[in-house]
């Protein structure tokens, strides 16, 4: 566990067959504005009105009192 805490990754095997991977958690990862812009550069353009319509059709936003039977 100390090795994982220091950044090492391990392949977990069962009878010699890989079944998983033990990796350190990423904590306090900061994404710079430049990195975000670069990754987002090829993202499709989103139509806000269509997105809102999709949400409205998928969600029931009526209020239901949890104390009503």
C-alpha atoms as a PDB file:
ATOM      1  CA  UNK A   1       0.000   0.000   0.000  1.00  0.00           C
ATOM      2  CA  UNK A   2       2.913   2.349   0.635  1.00  0.00           C
ATOM      3  CA  UNK A   3       4.053   1.858  -2.963  1.00  0.00           C
ATOM      4  CA  UNK A   4       0.567   2.727  -4.258  1.00  0.00           C
ATOM      5  CA  UNK A   5       0.481   5.768  -1.991  1.00  0.00           C
ATOM      6  CA  UNK A   6       3.736   6.868  -3.648  1.00  0.00           C
ATOM      7  CA  UNK A   7       2.347   6.540  -7.173  1.00  0.00           C
ATOM      8  CA  UNK A   8       3.039   2.946  -8.190  1.00  0.00           C
ATOM      9  CA  UNK A   9       0.442   0.888 -10.077  1.00  0.00           C
ATOM     10  CA  UNK A  10      -0.020  -2.876  -9.753  1.00  0.00           C
ATOM     11  CA  UNK A  11      -1.832  -5.463 -11.868  1.00  0.00           C
ATOM     12  CA  UNK A  12      -3.914  -7.843  -9.735  1.00  0.00           C
ATOM     13  CA  UNK A  13      -3.952 -11.434 -10.987  1.00  0.00           C
ATOM     14  CA  UNK A  14      -5.794 -14.650 -10.195  1.00  0.00           C
ATOM     15  CA  UNK A  15      -3.950 -17.817 -11.175  1.00  0.00           C
ATOM     16  CA  UNK A  16      -1.712 -15.725 -13.418  1.00  0.00           C
ATOM     17  CA  UNK A  17      -4.613 -14.028 -15.241  1.00  0.00           C
ATOM     18  CA  UNK A  18      -4.915 -10.245 -14.851  1.00  0.00           C
ATOM     19  CA  UNK A  19      -8.255  -9.338 -13.234  1.00  0.00           C
ATOM     20  CA  UNK A  20      -7.749  -5.778 -12.049  1.00  0.00           C
ATOM     21  CA  UNK A  21      -5.462  -2.862 -11.457  1.00  0.00           C
ATOM     22  CA  UNK A  22      -4.505  -1.190  -8.190  1.00  0.00           C
ATOM     23  CA  UNK A  23      -3.789   2.480  -8.827  1.00  0.00           C
ATOM     24  CA  UNK A  24      -3.301   5.535  -6.617  1.00  0.00           C
ATOM     25  CA  UNK A  25      -6.212   7.941  -6.287  1.00  0.00           C
ATOM     26  CA  UNK A  26      -5.895  11.262  -8.036  1.00  0.00           C
ATOM     27  CA  UNK A  27      -6.336  13.960  -5.457  1.00  0.00           C
ATOM     28  CA  UNK A  28      -6.495  17.701  -5.808  1.00  0.00           C
ATOM     29  CA  UNK A  29      -6.015  17.525  -9.539  1.00  0.00           C
ATOM     30  CA  UNK A  30      -5.994  21.005 -10.964  1.00  0.00           C
ATOM     31  CA  UNK A  31      -6.913  21.510 -14.604  1.00  0.00           C
ATOM     32  CA  UNK A  32      -5.508  24.674 -16.075  1.00  0.00           C
ATOM     33  CA  UNK A  33      -7.578  26.906 -18.308  1.00  0.00           C
ATOM     34  CA  UNK A  34      -5.221  26.174 -21.187  1.00  0.00           C
ATOM     35  CA  UNK A  35      -5.553  22.400 -20.763  1.00  0.00           C
ATOM     36  CA  UNK A  36      -9.356  22.615 -20.573  1.00  0.00           C
ATOM     37  CA  UNK A  37      -9.452  24.815 -23.686  1.00  0.00           C
ATOM     38  CA  UNK A  38      -7.214  22.392 -25.560  1.00  0.00           C
ATOM     39  CA  UNK A  39      -9.293  19.349 -24.645  1.00  0.00           C
ATOM     40  CA  UNK A  40     -12.532  21.184 -25.413  1.00  0.00           C
ATOM     41  CA  UNK A  41     -11.385  22.505 -28.785  1.00  0.00           C
ATOM     42  CA  UNK A  42     -12.777  19.516 -30.700  1.00  0.00           C
ATOM     43  CA  UNK A  43     -15.947  19.127 -28.640  1.00  0.00           C
ATOM     44  CA  UNK A  44     -19.203  19.385 -30.584  1.00  0.00           C
ATOM     45  CA  UNK A  45     -21.191  22.597 -30.333  1.00  0.00           C
ATOM     46  CA  UNK A  46     -24.130  22.168 -27.990  1.00  0.00           C
ATOM     47  CA  UNK A  47     -27.584  23.554 -28.813  1.00  0.00           C
ATOM     48  CA  UNK A  48     -28.783  24.884 -25.435  1.00  0.00           C
ATOM     49  CA  UNK A  49     -32.470  24.951 -26.389  1.00  0.00           C
ATOM     50  CA  UNK A  50     -32.377  21.336 -27.618  1.00  0.00           C
ATOM     51  CA  UNK A  51     -30.495  20.258 -24.482  1.00  0.00           C
ATOM     52  CA  UNK A  52     -33.103  21.930 -22.261  1.00  0.00           C
ATOM     53  CA  UNK A  53     -35.935  20.307 -24.237  1.00  0.00           C
ATOM     54  CA  UNK A  54     -34.269  16.897 -23.817  1.00  0.00           C
ATOM     55  CA  UNK A  55     -34.003  17.460 -20.069  1.00  0.00           C
ATOM     56  CA  UNK A  56     -37.613  18.625 -19.810  1.00  0.00           C
ATOM     57  CA  UNK A  57     -38.837  15.536 -21.657  1.00  0.00           C
ATOM     58  CA  UNK A  58     -36.789  13.158 -19.510  1.00  0.00           C
ATOM     59  CA  UNK A  59     -37.431  14.614 -16.056  1.00  0.00           C
ATOM     60  CA  UNK A  60     -40.578  14.949 -14.008  1.00  0.00           C
ATOM     61  CA  UNK A  61     -40.125  18.252 -12.210  1.00  0.00           C
ATOM     62  CA  UNK A  62     -43.472  18.318 -10.423  1.00  0.00           C
ATOM     63  CA  UNK A  63     -43.249  18.766  -6.683  1.00  0.00           C
ATOM     64  CA  UNK A  64     -44.404  15.828  -4.606  1.00  0.00           C
ATOM     65  CA  UNK A  65     -44.826  16.288  -0.867  1.00  0.00           C
ATOM     66  CA  UNK A  66     -43.147  13.288   0.781  1.00  0.00           C
ATOM     67  CA  UNK A  67     -45.675  13.457   3.643  1.00  0.00           C
ATOM     68  CA  UNK A  68     -48.738  13.056   1.413  1.00  0.00           C
ATOM     69  CA  UNK A  69     -49.989   9.502   1.207  1.00  0.00           C
END
